[in-house]
Amino acid sequence: MRGLGELMKQAQKIKAKMEELQQEMASRTVEVTSGGGMVKVVMNGKQEVISLEIDPEVLQSGDRELIQDLIIAAINEGIRRSQQLWLEELKKLTGGFPLPGIF
């Protein structure tokens, strides 16, 4: 039973650290661009879009499909990078031990 008690304590510590990490990730950001810098997206570690910038020249082109594609590409890359940031921090927390159901 002693081993089970220690395991439960470890699980509680990891849970508390996970909650701290989630709060920290809200303040961490990734910045990505698409179209050679025509669109820039900043996302936080919780995969929320913080800012979106579109080069005025792209807007003046009036190419709606291009603008939409560039925005989608930048957001998707931002999601990938924020997930990678999350996973890197999670690996530090768990010592590299994989947790089921995480990305």
PDB file of N, CA and C in Angstrom:
ATOM      1  N   MET A   1       0.810  -1.200   0.000  1.00  0.00           N
ATOM      2  CA  MET A   1       0.000   0.000   0.000  1.00  0.00           C
ATOM      3  C   MET A   1       0.851   1.260   0.000  1.00  0.00           C
ATOM      4  N   ARG A   2       2.047   1.158   0.551  1.00  0.00           N
ATOM      5  CA  ARG A   2       2.921   2.324   0.599  1.00  0.00           C
ATOM      6  C   ARG A   2       3.217   2.819  -0.813  1.00  0.00           C
ATOM      7  N   GLY A   3       3.463   1.908  -1.725  1.00  0.00           N
ATOM      8  CA  GLY A   3       3.758   2.269  -3.107  1.00  0.00           C
ATOM      9  C   GLY A   3       2.588   2.987  -3.756  1.00  0.00           C
ATOM     10  N   LEU A   4       1.388   2.543  -3.464  1.00  0.00           N
ATOM     11  CA  LEU A   4       0.194   3.176  -4.022  1.00  0.00           C
ATOM     12  C   LEU A   4       0.025   4.590  -3.483  1.00  0.00           C
ATOM     13  N   GLY A   5       0.310   4.773  -2.216  1.00  0.00           N
ATOM     14  CA  GLY A   5       0.220   6.096  -1.605  1.00  0.00           C
ATOM     15  C   GLY A   5       1.205   7.069  -2.234  1.00  0.00           C
ATOM     16  N   GLU A   6       2.413   6.594  -2.483  1.00  0.00           N
ATOM     17  CA  GLU A   6       3.427   7.440  -3.127  1.00  0.00           C
ATOM     18  C   GLU A   6       3.023   7.773  -4.559  1.00  0.00           C
ATOM     19  N   LEU A   7       2.448   6.814  -5.232  1.00  0.00           N
ATOM     20  CA  LEU A   7       1.985   7.032  -6.602  1.00  0.00           C
ATOM     21  C   LEU A   7       0.883   8.086  -6.634  1.00  0.00           C
ATOM     22  N   MET A   8      -0.012   8.045  -5.668  1.00  0.00           N
ATOM     23  CA  MET A   8      -1.093   9.025  -5.590  1.00  0.00           C
ATOM     24  C   MET A   8      -0.536  10.434  -5.324  1.00  0.00           C
ATOM     25  N   LYS A   9       0.481  10.514  -4.454  1.00  0.00           N
ATOM     26  CA  LYS A   9       1.107  11.807  -4.178  1.00  0.00           C
ATOM     27  C   LYS A   9       1.754  12.360  -5.440  1.00  0.00           C
ATOM     28  N   GLN A  10       2.436  11.511  -6.179  1.00  0.00           N
ATOM     29  CA  GLN A  10       3.074  11.937  -7.428  1.00  0.00           C
ATOM     30  C   GLN A  10       2.030  12.414  -8.427  1.00  0.00           C
ATOM     31  N   ALA A  11       0.922  11.699  -8.513  1.00  0.00           N
ATOM     32  CA  ALA A  11      -0.146  12.076  -9.442  1.00  0.00           C
ATOM     33  C   ALA A  11      -0.713  13.447  -9.055  1.00  0.00           C
ATOM     34  N   GLN A  12      -0.865  13.709  -7.778  1.00  0.00           N
ATOM     35  CA  GLN A  12      -1.367  15.005  -7.320  1.00  0.00           C
ATOM     36  C   GLN A  12      -0.386  16.128  -7.649  1.00  0.00           C
ATOM     37  N   LYS A  13       0.905  15.848  -7.487  1.00  0.00           N
ATOM     38  CA  LYS A  13       1.924  16.844  -7.818  1.00  0.00           C
ATOM     39  C   LYS A  13       1.904  17.156  -9.316  1.00  0.00           C
ATOM     40  N   ILE A  14       1.798  16.117 -10.127  1.00  0.00           N
ATOM     41  CA  ILE A  14       1.760  16.318 -11.574  1.00  0.00           C
ATOM     42  C   ILE A  14       0.516  17.106 -11.965  1.00  0.00           C
ATOM     43  N   LYS A  15      -0.610  16.790 -11.336  1.00  0.00           N
ATOM     44  CA  LYS A  15      -1.847  17.526 -11.632  1.00  0.00           C
ATOM     45  C   LYS A  15      -1.684  19.001 -11.310  1.00  0.00           C
ATOM     46  N   ALA A  16      -1.102  19.313 -10.165  1.00  0.00           N
ATOM     47  CA  ALA A  16      -0.898  20.715  -9.773  1.00  0.00           C
ATOM     48  C   ALA A  16       0.043  21.408 -10.752  1.00  0.00           C
ATOM     49  N   LYS A  17       1.091  20.717 -11.166  1.00  0.00           N
ATOM     50  CA  LYS A  17       2.031  21.300 -12.116  1.00  0.00           C
ATOM     51  C   LYS A  17       1.391  21.485 -13.488  1.00  0.00           C
ATOM     52  N   MET A  18       0.500  20.581 -13.860  1.00  0.00           N
ATOM     53  CA  MET A  18      -0.220  20.713 -15.137  1.00  0.00           C
ATOM     54  C   MET A  18      -1.094  21.956 -15.112  1.00  0.00           C
ATOM     55  N   GLU A  19      -1.754  22.204 -14.005  1.00  0.00           N
ATOM     56  CA  GLU A  19      -2.600  23.389 -13.881  1.00  0.00           C
ATOM     57  C   GLU A  19      -1.764  24.663 -13.972  1.00  0.00           C
ATOM     58  N   GLU A  20      -0.581  24.653 -13.341  1.00  0.00           N
ATOM     59  CA  GLU A  20       0.333  25.788 -13.445  1.00  0.00           C
ATOM     60  C   GLU A  20       0.777  25.990 -14.895  1.00  0.00           C
ATOM     61  N   LEU A  21       1.087  24.892 -15.554  1.00  0.00           N
ATOM     62  CA  LEU A  21       1.540  24.953 -16.943  1.00  0.00           C
ATOM     63  C   LEU A  21       0.455  25.527 -17.845  1.00  0.00           C
ATOM     64  N   GLN A  22      -0.790  25.139 -17.619  1.00  0.00           N
ATOM     65  CA  GLN A  22      -1.885  25.667 -18.425  1.00  0.00           C
ATOM     66  C   GLN A  22      -1.994  27.182 -18.264  1.00  0.00           C
ATOM     67  N   GLN A  23      -1.827  27.658 -17.053  1.00  0.00           N
ATOM     68  CA  GLN A  23      -1.879  29.101 -16.822  1.00  0.00           C
ATOM     69  C   GLN A  23      -0.694  29.797 -17.489  1.00  0.00           C
ATOM     70  N   GLU A  24       0.475  29.194 -17.384  1.00  0.00           N
ATOM     71  CA  GLU A  24       1.672  29.766 -17.999  1.00  0.00           C
ATOM     72  C   GLU A  24       1.538  29.825 -19.517  1.00  0.00           C
ATOM     73  N   MET A  25       0.946  28.804 -20.112  1.00  0.00           N
ATOM     74  CA  MET A  25       0.832  28.736 -21.567  1.00  0.00           C
ATOM     75  C   MET A  25      -0.048  29.864 -22.116  1.00  0.00           C
ATOM     76  N   ALA A  26      -0.923  30.391 -21.307  1.00  0.00           N
ATOM     77  CA  ALA A  26      -1.760  31.505 -21.752  1.00  0.00           C
ATOM     78  C   ALA A  26      -0.915  32.748 -22.014  1.00  0.00           C
ATOM     79  N   SER A  27       0.237  32.842 -21.345  1.00  0.00           N
ATOM     80  CA  SER A  27       1.089  34.018 -21.528  1.00  0.00           C
ATOM     81  C   SER A  27       2.237  33.779 -22.510  1.00  0.00           C
ATOM     82  N   ARG A  28       2.456  32.551 -22.919  1.00  0.00           N
ATOM     83  CA  ARG A  28       3.509  32.243 -23.893  1.00  0.00           C
ATOM     84  C   ARG A  28       2.933  32.397 -25.291  1.00  0.00           C
ATOM     85  N   THR A  29       3.731  32.904 -26.217  1.00  0.00           N
ATOM     86  CA  THR A  29       3.225  33.128 -27.570  1.00  0.00           C
ATOM     87  C   THR A  29       4.152  32.549 -28.628  1.00  0.00           C
ATOM     88  N   VAL A  30       3.558  32.292 -29.785  1.00  0.00           N
ATOM     89  CA  VAL A  30       4.297  31.930 -30.992  1.00  0.00           C
ATOM     90  C   VAL A  30       3.861  32.904 -32.074  1.00  0.00           C
ATOM     91  N   GLU A  31       4.807  33.254 -32.934  1.00  0.00           N
ATOM     92  CA  GLU A  31       4.519  34.164 -34.037  1.00  0.00           C
ATOM     93  C   GLU A  31       4.850  33.450 -35.339  1.00  0.00           C
ATOM     94  N   VAL A  32       3.906  33.434 -36.261  1.00  0.00           N
ATOM     95  CA  VAL A  32       4.107  32.769 -37.543  1.00  0.00           C
ATOM     96  C   VAL A  32       3.678  33.692 -38.672  1.00  0.00           C
ATOM     97  N   THR A  33       4.246  33.427 -39.839  1.00  0.00           N
ATOM     98  CA  THR A  33       3.864  34.194 -41.023  1.00  0.00           C
ATOM     99  C   THR A  33       3.542  33.237 -42.154  1.00  0.00           C
ATOM    100  N   SER A  34       2.829  33.741 -43.124  1.00  0.00           N
ATOM    101  CA  SER A  34       2.583  32.983 -44.348  1.00  0.00           C
ATOM    102  C   SER A  34       2.731  33.941 -45.520  1.00  0.00           C
ATOM    103  N   GLY A  35       2.949  33.368 -46.695  1.00  0.00           N
ATOM    104  CA  GLY A  35       3.083  34.190 -47.891  1.00  0.00           C
ATOM    105  C   GLY A  35       4.288  35.098 -47.839  1.00  0.00           C
ATOM    106  N   GLY A  36       5.376  34.595 -47.248  1.00  0.00           N
ATOM    107  CA  GLY A  36       6.573  35.411 -47.177  1.00  0.00           C
ATOM    108  C   GLY A  36       6.412  36.639 -46.308  1.00  0.00           C
ATOM    109  N   GLY A  37       5.582  36.541 -45.308  1.00  0.00           N
ATOM    110  CA  GLY A  37       5.380  37.652 -44.381  1.00  0.00           C
ATOM    111  C   GLY A  37       4.160  38.506 -44.689  1.00  0.00           C
ATOM    112  N   MET A  38       3.373  38.101 -45.679  1.00  0.00           N
ATOM    113  CA  MET A  38       2.191  38.892 -46.021  1.00  0.00           C
ATOM    114  C   MET A  38       1.129  38.833 -44.935  1.00  0.00           C
ATOM    115  N   VAL A  39       1.092  37.723 -44.202  1.00  0.00           N
ATOM    116  CA  VAL A  39       0.158  37.578 -43.082  1.00  0.00           C
ATOM    117  C   VAL A  39       0.959  37.123 -41.872  1.00  0.00           C
ATOM    118  N   LYS A  40       0.715  37.763 -40.736  1.00  0.00           N
ATOM    119  CA  LYS A  40       1.384  37.400 -39.485  1.00  0.00           C
ATOM    120  C   LYS A  40       0.326  37.127 -38.431  1.00  0.00           C
ATOM    121  N   VAL A  41       0.497  36.012 -37.730  1.00  0.00           N
ATOM    122  CA  VAL A  41      -0.414  35.627 -36.660  1.00  0.00           C
ATOM    123  C   VAL A  41       0.402  35.391 -35.396  1.00  0.00           C
ATOM    124  N   VAL A  42      -0.105  35.907 -34.292  1.00  0.00           N
ATOM    125  CA  VAL A  42       0.471  35.618 -32.983  1.00  0.00           C
ATOM    126  C   VAL A  42      -0.582  34.849 -32.208  1.00  0.00           C
ATOM    127  N   MET A  43      -0.159  33.690 -31.677  1.00  0.00           N
ATOM    128  CA  MET A  43      -1.059  32.839 -30.889  1.00  0.00           C
ATOM    129  C   MET A  43      -0.424  32.574 -29.544  1.00  0.00           C
ATOM    130  N   ASN A  44      -1.265  32.335 -28.548  1.00  0.00           N
ATOM    131  CA  ASN A  44      -0.718  31.954 -27.257  1.00  0.00           C
ATOM    132  C   ASN A  44      -0.641  30.428 -27.172  1.00  0.00           C
ATOM    133  N   GLY A  45      -0.068  29.967 -26.085  1.00  0.00           N
ATOM    134  CA  GLY A  45       0.111  28.529 -25.888  1.00  0.00           C
ATOM    135  C   GLY A  45      -1.180  27.771 -25.668  1.00  0.00           C
ATOM    136  N   LYS A  46      -2.282  28.504 -25.540  1.00  0.00           N
ATOM    137  CA  LYS A  46      -3.581  27.860 -25.420  1.00  0.00           C
ATOM    138  C   LYS A  46      -4.283  27.827 -26.775  1.00  0.00           C
ATOM    139  N   GLN A  47      -3.525  28.141 -27.829  1.00  0.00           N
ATOM    140  CA  GLN A  47      -3.998  28.105 -29.213  1.00  0.00           C
ATOM    141  C   GLN A  47      -5.105  29.116 -29.484  1.00  0.00           C
ATOM    142  N   GLU A  48      -4.973  30.277 -28.844  1.00  0.00           N
ATOM    143  CA  GLU A  48      -5.889  31.376 -29.104  1.00  0.00           C
ATOM    144  C   GLU A  48      -5.155  32.408 -29.951  1.00  0.00           C
ATOM    145  N   VAL A  49      -5.829  32.942 -30.953  1.00  0.00           N
ATOM    146  CA  VAL A  49      -5.224  33.973 -31.787  1.00  0.00           C
ATOM    147  C   VAL A  49      -5.200  35.273 -30.984  1.00  0.00           C
ATOM    148  N   ILE A  50      -4.006  35.845 -30.842  1.00  0.00           N
ATOM    149  CA  ILE A  50      -3.823  37.081 -30.095  1.00  0.00           C
ATOM    150  C   ILE A  50      -3.850  38.271 -31.051  1.00  0.00           C
ATOM    151  N   SER A  51      -3.197  38.104 -32.199  1.00  0.00           N
ATOM    152  CA  SER A  51      -3.222  39.190 -33.182  1.00  0.00           C
ATOM    153  C   SER A  51      -3.075  38.623 -34.586  1.00  0.00           C
ATOM    154  N   LEU A  52      -3.559  39.405 -35.551  1.00  0.00           N
ATOM    155  CA  LEU A  52      -3.507  39.050 -36.964  1.00  0.00           C
ATOM    156  C   LEU A  52      -3.176  40.313 -37.735  1.00  0.00           C
ATOM    157  N   GLU A  53      -2.108  40.254 -38.530  1.00  0.00           N
ATOM    158  CA  GLU A  53      -1.725  41.388 -39.355  1.00  0.00           C
ATOM    159  C   GLU A  53      -1.693  40.947 -40.813  1.00  0.00           C
ATOM    160  N   ILE A  54      -2.263  41.768 -41.674  1.00  0.00           N
ATOM    161  CA  ILE A  54      -2.270  41.490 -43.110  1.00  0.00           C
ATOM    162  C   ILE A  54      -1.601  42.663 -43.809  1.00  0.00           C
ATOM    163  N   ASP A  55      -0.617  42.357 -44.640  1.00  0.00           N
ATOM    164  CA  ASP A  55       0.096  43.390 -45.383  1.00  0.00           C
ATOM    165  C   ASP A  55      -0.907  44.178 -46.232  1.00  0.00           C
ATOM    166  N   PRO A  56      -0.868  45.514 -46.156  1.00  0.00           N
ATOM    167  CA  PRO A  56      -1.813  46.335 -46.924  1.00  0.00           C
ATOM    168  C   PRO A  56      -1.790  46.054 -48.429  1.00  0.00           C
ATOM    169  N   GLU A  57      -0.626  45.670 -48.957  1.00  0.00           N
ATOM    170  CA  GLU A  57      -0.541  45.373 -50.388  1.00  0.00           C
ATOM    171  C   GLU A  57      -1.399  44.161 -50.752  1.00  0.00           C
ATOM    172  N   VAL A  58      -1.453  43.195 -49.850  1.00  0.00           N
ATOM    173  CA  VAL A  58      -2.281  42.005 -50.102  1.00  0.00           C
ATOM    174  C   VAL A  58      -3.749  42.420 -50.132  1.00  0.00           C
ATOM    175  N   LEU A  59      -4.129  43.274 -49.207  1.00  0.00           N
ATOM    176  CA  LEU A  59      -5.517  43.737 -49.172  1.00  0.00           C
ATOM    177  C   LEU A  59      -5.868  44.527 -50.427  1.00  0.00           C
ATOM    178  N   GLN A  60      -4.929  45.337 -50.888  1.00  0.00           N
ATOM    179  CA  GLN A  60      -5.174  46.133 -52.083  1.00  0.00           C
ATOM    180  C   GLN A  60      -5.299  45.278 -53.332  1.00  0.00           C
ATOM    181  N   SER A  61      -4.698  44.097 -53.299  1.00  0.00           N
ATOM    182  CA  SER A  61      -4.790  43.221 -54.468  1.00  0.00           C
ATOM    183  C   SER A  61      -6.229  42.786 -54.716  1.00  0.00           C
ATOM    184  N   GLY A  62      -7.010  42.727 -53.641  1.00  0.00           N
ATOM    185  CA  GLY A  62      -8.407  42.332 -53.768  1.00  0.00           C
ATOM    186  C   GLY A  62      -8.595  40.845 -54.039  1.00  0.00           C
ATOM    187  N   ASP A  63      -7.519  40.071 -53.948  1.00  0.00           N
ATOM    188  CA  ASP A  63      -7.593  38.633 -54.209  1.00  0.00           C
ATOM    189  C   ASP A  63      -8.092  37.930 -52.948  1.00  0.00           C
ATOM    190  N   ARG A  64      -9.397  37.815 -52.860  1.00  0.00           N
ATOM    191  CA  ARG A  64     -10.047  37.270 -51.670  1.00  0.00           C
ATOM    192  C   ARG A  64      -9.570  35.859 -51.343  1.00  0.00           C
ATOM    193  N   GLU A  65      -9.475  34.993 -52.339  1.00  0.00           N
ATOM    194  CA  GLU A  65      -9.040  33.607 -52.092  1.00  0.00           C
ATOM    195  C   GLU A  65      -7.625  33.566 -51.555  1.00  0.00           C
ATOM    196  N   LEU A  66      -6.741  34.384 -52.112  1.00  0.00           N
ATOM    197  CA  LEU A  66      -5.359  34.427 -51.638  1.00  0.00           C
ATOM    198  C   LEU A  66      -5.319  34.865 -50.183  1.00  0.00           C
ATOM    199  N   ILE A  67      -6.046  35.901 -49.858  1.00  0.00           N
ATOM    200  CA  ILE A  67      -6.071  36.402 -48.480  1.00  0.00           C
ATOM    201  C   ILE A  67      -6.583  35.321 -47.529  1.00  0.00           C
ATOM    202  N   GLN A  68      -7.647  34.667 -47.892  1.00  0.00           N
ATOM    203  CA  GLN A  68      -8.200  33.607 -47.052  1.00  0.00           C
ATOM    204  C   GLN A  68      -7.200  32.471 -46.884  1.00  0.00           C
ATOM    205  N   ASP A  69      -6.562  32.062 -47.976  1.00  0.00           N
ATOM    206  CA  ASP A  69      -5.577  30.973 -47.909  1.00  0.00           C
ATOM    207  C   ASP A  69      -4.395  31.345 -47.010  1.00  0.00           C
ATOM    208  N   LEU A  70      -3.927  32.583 -47.119  1.00  0.00           N
ATOM    209  CA  LEU A  70      -2.803  33.022 -46.293  1.00  0.00           C
ATOM    210  C   LEU A  70      -3.171  33.052 -44.813  1.00  0.00           C
ATOM    211  N   ILE A  71      -4.370  33.496 -44.512  1.00  0.00           N
ATOM    212  CA  ILE A  71      -4.822  33.527 -43.114  1.00  0.00           C
ATOM    213  C   ILE A  71      -4.940  32.105 -42.567  1.00  0.00           C
ATOM    214  N   ILE A  72      -5.552  31.235 -43.338  1.00  0.00           N
ATOM    215  CA  ILE A  72      -5.706  29.841 -42.901  1.00  0.00           C
ATOM    216  C   ILE A  72      -4.346  29.189 -42.679  1.00  0.00           C
ATOM    217  N   ALA A  73      -3.425  29.395 -43.616  1.00  0.00           N
ATOM    218  CA  ALA A  73      -2.088  28.802 -43.498  1.00  0.00           C
ATOM    219  C   ALA A  73      -1.378  29.301 -42.243  1.00  0.00           C
ATOM    220  N   ALA A  74      -1.465  30.599 -41.979  1.00  0.00           N
ATOM    221  CA  ALA A  74      -0.798  31.154 -40.804  1.00  0.00           C
ATOM    222  C   ALA A  74      -1.421  30.629 -39.509  1.00  0.00           C
ATOM    223  N   ILE A  75      -2.724  30.568 -39.455  1.00  0.00           N
ATOM    224  CA  ILE A  75      -3.386  30.068 -38.241  1.00  0.00           C
ATOM    225  C   ILE A  75      -3.057  28.595 -38.012  1.00  0.00           C
ATOM    226  N   ASN A  76      -3.104  27.791 -39.060  1.00  0.00           N
ATOM    227  CA  ASN A  76      -2.783  26.374 -38.904  1.00  0.00           C
ATOM    228  C   ASN A  76      -1.350  26.168 -38.438  1.00  0.00           C
ATOM    229  N   GLU A  77      -0.412  26.955 -38.983  1.00  0.00           N
ATOM    230  CA  GLU A  77       0.976  26.848 -38.535  1.00  0.00           C
ATOM    231  C   GLU A  77       1.100  27.314 -37.086  1.00  0.00           C
ATOM    232  N   GLY A  78       0.367  28.334 -36.718  1.00  0.00           N
ATOM    233  CA  GLY A  78       0.370  28.787 -35.329  1.00  0.00           C
ATOM    234  C   GLY A  78      -0.140  27.716 -34.378  1.00  0.00           C
ATOM    235  N   ILE A  79      -1.162  27.016 -34.795  1.00  0.00           N
ATOM    236  CA  ILE A  79      -1.690  25.914 -33.973  1.00  0.00           C
ATOM    237  C   ILE A  79      -0.625  24.830 -33.816  1.00  0.00           C
ATOM    238  N   ARG A  80       0.014  24.458 -34.929  1.00  0.00           N
ATOM    239  CA  ARG A  80       1.064  23.426 -34.849  1.00  0.00           C
ATOM    240  C   ARG A  80       2.189  23.853 -33.908  1.00  0.00           C
ATOM    241  N   ARG A  81       2.610  25.080 -34.032  1.00  0.00           N
ATOM    242  CA  ARG A  81       3.721  25.548 -33.187  1.00  0.00           C
ATOM    243  C   ARG A  81       3.312  25.676 -31.728  1.00  0.00           C
ATOM    244  N   SER A  82       2.103  26.105 -31.460  1.00  0.00           N
ATOM    245  CA  SER A  82       1.676  26.211 -30.064  1.00  0.00           C
ATOM    246  C   SER A  82       1.508  24.816 -29.457  1.00  0.00           C
ATOM    247  N   GLN A  83       1.069  23.855 -30.248  1.00  0.00           N
ATOM    248  CA  GLN A  83       0.992  22.479 -29.759  1.00  0.00           C
ATOM    249  C   GLN A  83       2.389  21.942 -29.461  1.00  0.00           C
ATOM    250  N   GLN A  84       3.341  22.255 -30.334  1.00  0.00           N
ATOM    251  CA  GLN A  84       4.714  21.819 -30.118  1.00  0.00           C
ATOM    252  C   GLN A  84       5.277  22.442 -28.845  1.00  0.00           C
ATOM    253  N   LEU A  85       4.997  23.722 -28.625  1.00  0.00           N
ATOM    254  CA  LEU A  85       5.430  24.405 -27.413  1.00  0.00           C
ATOM    255  C   LEU A  85       4.851  23.705 -26.184  1.00  0.00           C
ATOM    256  N   TRP A  86       3.581  23.398 -26.250  1.00  0.00           N
ATOM    257  CA  TRP A  86       2.895  22.696 -25.157  1.00  0.00           C
ATOM    258  C   TRP A  86       3.541  21.336 -24.896  1.00  0.00           C
ATOM    259  N   LEU A  87       3.782  20.585 -25.972  1.00  0.00           N
ATOM    260  CA  LEU A  87       4.377  19.256 -25.813  1.00  0.00           C
ATOM    261  C   LEU A  87       5.781  19.322 -25.225  1.00  0.00           C
ATOM    262  N   GLU A  88       6.567  20.292 -25.652  1.00  0.00           N
ATOM    263  CA  GLU A  88       7.916  20.437 -25.103  1.00  0.00           C
ATOM    264  C   GLU A  88       7.867  20.706 -23.603  1.00  0.00           C
ATOM    265  N   GLU A  89       6.964  21.579 -23.195  1.00  0.00           N
ATOM    266  CA  GLU A  89       6.834  21.882 -21.770  1.00  0.00           C
ATOM    267  C   GLU A  89       6.284  20.682 -21.002  1.00  0.00           C
ATOM    268  N   LEU A  90       5.385  19.955 -21.618  1.00  0.00           N
ATOM    269  CA  LEU A  90       4.812  18.769 -20.984  1.00  0.00           C
ATOM    270  C   LEU A  90       5.869  17.682 -20.791  1.00  0.00           C
ATOM    271  N   LYS A  91       6.749  17.535 -21.769  1.00  0.00           N
ATOM    272  CA  LYS A  91       7.830  16.551 -21.647  1.00  0.00           C
ATOM    273  C   LYS A  91       8.742  16.888 -20.480  1.00  0.00           C
ATOM    274  N   LYS A  92       9.012  18.178 -20.288  1.00  0.00           N
ATOM    275  CA  LYS A  92       9.825  18.601 -19.146  1.00  0.00           C
ATOM    276  C   LYS A  92       9.127  18.229 -17.840  1.00  0.00           C
ATOM    277  N   LEU A  93       7.826  18.438 -17.816  1.00  0.00           N
ATOM    278  CA  LEU A  93       7.043  18.180 -16.617  1.00  0.00           C
ATOM    279  C   LEU A  93       6.991  16.690 -16.278  1.00  0.00           C
ATOM    280  N   THR A  94       6.821  15.868 -17.298  1.00  0.00           N
ATOM    281  CA  THR A  94       6.650  14.431 -17.060  1.00  0.00           C
ATOM    282  C   THR A  94       7.952  13.643 -17.198  1.00  0.00           C
ATOM    283  N   GLY A  95       9.036  14.346 -17.468  1.00  0.00           N
ATOM    284  CA  GLY A  95      10.305  13.645 -17.655  1.00  0.00           C
ATOM    285  C   GLY A  95      10.315  12.812 -18.916  1.00  0.00           C
ATOM    286  N   GLY A  96       9.535  13.216 -19.904  1.00  0.00           N
ATOM    287  CA  GLY A  96       9.482  12.495 -21.165  1.00  0.00           C
ATOM    288  C   GLY A  96       8.474  11.355 -21.187  1.00  0.00           C
ATOM    289  N   PHE A  97       7.817  11.110 -20.066  1.00  0.00           N
ATOM    290  CA  PHE A  97       6.828  10.038 -19.992  1.00  0.00           C
ATOM    291  C   PHE A  97       5.578  10.466 -20.759  1.00  0.00           C
ATOM    292  N   PRO A  98       5.168   9.682 -21.773  1.00  0.00           N
ATOM    293  CA  PRO A  98       3.999  10.074 -22.577  1.00  0.00           C
ATOM    294  C   PRO A  98       2.698   9.939 -21.785  1.00  0.00           C
ATOM    295  N   LEU A  99       1.833  10.923 -21.958  1.00  0.00           N
ATOM    296  CA  LEU A  99       0.514  10.868 -21.338  1.00  0.00           C
ATOM    297  C   LEU A  99      -0.528  10.597 -22.411  1.00  0.00           C
ATOM    298  N   PRO A 100      -1.352   9.594 -22.223  1.00  0.00           N
ATOM    299  CA  PRO A 100      -2.363   9.268 -23.240  1.00  0.00           C
ATOM    300  C   PRO A 100      -3.357  10.403 -23.418  1.00  0.00           C
ATOM    301  N   GLY A 101      -3.757  10.617 -24.661  1.00  0.00           N
ATOM    302  CA  GLY A 101      -4.780  11.585 -24.972  1.00  0.00           C
ATOM    303  C   GLY A 101      -4.273  13.005 -25.135  1.00  0.00           C
ATOM    304  N   ILE A 102      -2.948  13.202 -25.070  1.00  0.00           N
ATOM    305  CA  ILE A 102      -2.391  14.537 -25.252  1.00  0.00           C
ATOM    306  C   ILE A 102      -1.876  14.630 -26.682  1.00  0.00           C
ATOM    307  N   PHE A 103      -2.557  15.431 -27.490  1.00  0.00           N
ATOM    308  CA  PHE A 103      -2.265  15.632 -28.902  1.00  0.00           C
ATOM    309  C   PHE A 103      -1.961  14.321 -29.563  1.00  0.00           C
TER     310      PHE A 103
END
